[in-house]
Amino acid sequence: MFDPVISWMSTTDSTDRTTLADVLIHGPVLEAEVDSAGEQLLRRHPGAELVLLVISTRRVRVRTAAGWSLELCLTGPVSECLGTTDLLGSAAKSLHAWISARLAPVLLARCGLWVWCEPHRAARSTDPCGRLRVEFVHR
């Protein structure tokens, strides 16, 4: 399986370079605007399967093209090797694989989403560098 095309966006990015991305990571986003921002980005980028909206360094809202809305919260200890970029990239790749396999994302709430830094992910380490709690918001 190939890694998804991930596009990192800020509020000043133009939309032209992200039109073919599988996953959009956008932030920071105000909590009051997170739902509307997710819907707008999915409408503006019809090829994207999911959008990760960064609320804070410990909270991310996920919107999928299928209408799922999840919140990811960093829980427990995190290895020093796992920076914010690796955390978001790992979460995006894992969520994209989950959704591409047509598995209901709400099932992730049972065990959470394990994340790895890029070197540990490339080495296929069995020990994750951190864990995100997954909360089902709505569909």
Protein backbone atom coordinates (compact mmCIF):
# COMPACT_ATOMS: atom_id res chain seq x y z
CA MET A 1 0.00 0.00 0.00
CA PHE A 2 1.31 3.44 -0.91
CA ASP A 3 1.43 6.31 1.57
CA PRO A 4 -1.25 8.94 0.98
CA VAL A 5 -0.46 12.35 -0.47
CA ILE A 6 -0.54 14.68 2.52
CA SER A 7 -0.71 18.44 2.14
CA TRP A 8 0.10 20.74 5.05
CA MET A 9 -1.87 23.98 4.97
CA SER A 10 -1.87 27.24 6.89
CA THR A 11 -4.42 30.02 6.74
CA THR A 12 -2.32 31.80 4.07
CA ASP A 13 -1.97 28.80 1.68
CA SER A 14 -3.45 28.93 -1.79
CA THR A 15 -5.69 26.03 -2.77
CA ASP A 16 -4.04 25.22 -6.13
CA ARG A 17 -1.23 23.01 -4.83
CA THR A 18 -3.48 20.89 -2.59
CA THR A 19 -6.22 19.85 -5.01
CA LEU A 20 -4.89 16.29 -5.46
CA ALA A 21 -4.08 15.59 -1.80
CA ASP A 22 -5.61 12.54 -0.09
CA VAL A 23 -5.24 14.14 3.33
CA LEU A 24 -5.20 17.82 4.32
CA ILE A 25 -3.66 18.97 7.59
CA HIS A 26 -4.74 22.50 8.47
CA GLY A 27 -4.11 24.65 11.46
CA PRO A 28 -4.23 26.21 13.77
CA VAL A 29 -8.02 26.42 13.74
CA LEU A 30 -10.20 28.11 16.36
CA GLU A 31 -12.41 25.61 18.12
CA ALA A 32 -15.55 27.61 17.26
CA GLU A 33 -14.69 27.39 13.54
CA VAL A 34 -13.51 23.78 13.34
CA ASP A 35 -16.72 22.22 11.91
CA SER A 36 -17.25 24.84 9.21
CA ALA A 37 -13.53 24.82 8.29
CA GLY A 38 -13.60 21.03 7.83
CA GLU A 39 -16.66 21.13 5.59
CA GLN A 40 -15.26 24.01 3.52
CA LEU A 41 -11.93 22.25 2.95
CA LEU A 42 -13.62 19.00 1.90
CA ARG A 43 -15.87 20.91 -0.55
CA ARG A 44 -12.93 22.89 -1.94
CA HIS A 45 -10.77 19.74 -2.32
CA PRO A 46 -13.04 16.94 -3.59
CA GLY A 47 -10.12 14.49 -3.87
CA ALA A 48 -9.36 14.66 -0.16
CA GLU A 49 -10.65 11.77 1.92
CA LEU A 50 -10.00 13.41 5.26
CA VAL A 51 -8.99 16.67 6.88
CA LEU A 52 -7.06 17.00 10.13
CA LEU A 53 -7.79 20.34 11.80
CA VAL A 54 -5.24 21.25 14.46
CA ILE A 55 -6.93 22.91 17.45
CA SER A 56 -3.89 22.71 19.75
CA THR A 57 -0.72 20.64 20.11
CA ARG A 58 -2.77 18.07 22.05
CA ARG A 59 -6.11 18.17 20.14
CA VAL A 60 -7.01 17.54 16.51
CA ARG A 61 -10.47 17.31 14.91
CA VAL A 62 -10.79 14.95 11.93
CA ARG A 63 -13.46 15.30 9.23
CA THR A 64 -13.89 12.61 6.59
CA ALA A 65 -15.46 12.81 3.15
CA ALA A 66 -17.93 10.16 4.35
CA GLY A 67 -19.21 12.56 7.03
CA TRP A 68 -17.45 11.22 10.14
CA SER A 69 -16.15 13.68 12.71
CA LEU A 70 -13.61 12.49 15.28
CA GLU A 71 -11.49 14.19 17.88
CA LEU A 72 -7.94 13.00 18.59
CA CYS A 73 -6.40 13.83 21.96
CA LEU A 74 -2.84 13.09 22.97
CA THR A 75 -2.82 10.84 26.04
CA GLY A 76 -0.17 9.25 28.19
CA PRO A 77 3.57 9.52 27.83
CA VAL A 78 5.11 10.45 24.49
CA SER A 79 8.61 9.48 23.38
CA GLU A 80 11.07 12.32 22.90
CA CYS A 81 11.45 11.27 19.27
CA LEU A 82 7.83 12.16 18.46
CA GLY A 83 7.45 15.79 17.43
CA THR A 84 4.22 17.47 16.37
CA THR A 85 4.96 16.99 12.67
CA ASP A 86 5.61 13.25 13.11
CA LEU A 87 2.52 12.89 15.31
CA LEU A 88 0.23 14.52 12.74
CA GLY A 89 1.86 12.72 9.80
CA SER A 90 1.58 9.32 11.50
CA ALA A 91 -2.04 9.96 12.49
CA ALA A 92 -2.86 11.04 8.92
CA LYS A 93 -1.27 7.92 7.39
CA SER A 94 -2.95 5.56 9.86
CA LEU A 95 -6.38 7.19 9.50
CA HIS A 96 -6.09 7.20 5.71
CA ALA A 97 -5.26 3.46 5.72
CA TRP A 98 -8.19 2.80 8.07
CA ILE A 99 -10.64 4.74 5.89
CA SER A 100 -9.26 3.30 2.63
CA ALA A 101 -9.96 -0.16 4.03
CA ARG A 102 -13.56 1.05 4.53
CA LEU A 103 -13.46 0.45 8.28
CA ALA A 104 -15.72 2.59 10.44
CA PRO A 105 -13.50 5.15 12.19
CA VAL A 106 -15.73 5.04 15.28
CA LEU A 107 -14.19 1.61 16.03
CA LEU A 108 -10.89 3.37 16.79
CA ALA A 109 -12.45 4.67 20.00
CA ARG A 110 -11.90 1.26 21.60
CA CYS A 111 -8.10 1.24 21.57
CA GLY A 112 -7.05 4.64 20.29
CA LEU A 113 -4.65 5.47 17.51
CA TRP A 114 -1.00 4.57 18.00
CA VAL A 115 1.52 6.94 16.41
CA TRP A 116 5.19 6.63 15.49
CA CYS A 117 7.97 9.05 14.60
CA GLU A 118 9.17 8.68 11.01
CA PRO A 119 12.34 6.65 11.81
CA HIS A 120 10.42 4.16 13.98
CA ARG A 121 7.60 3.95 11.42
CA ALA A 122 10.11 3.25 8.63
CA ALA A 123 11.74 0.56 10.79
CA ARG A 124 8.25 -0.93 11.40
CA SER A 125 8.77 -0.74 15.16
CA THR A 126 6.20 -2.63 17.22
CA ASP A 127 6.58 -0.13 20.06
CA PRO A 128 4.61 3.06 19.35
CA CYS A 129 6.03 6.46 20.21
CA GLY A 130 2.67 7.74 21.51
CA ARG A 131 -1.09 7.23 21.55
CA LEU A 132 -4.06 9.40 20.58
CA ARG A 133 -7.42 8.88 22.24
CA VAL A 134 -10.15 8.84 19.61
CA GLU A 135 -13.56 10.27 20.42
CA PHE A 136 -16.51 9.96 18.05
CA VAL A 137 -18.07 13.41 17.64
CA HIS A 138 -20.82 12.82 15.07
CA ARG A 139 -21.70 11.55 11.64
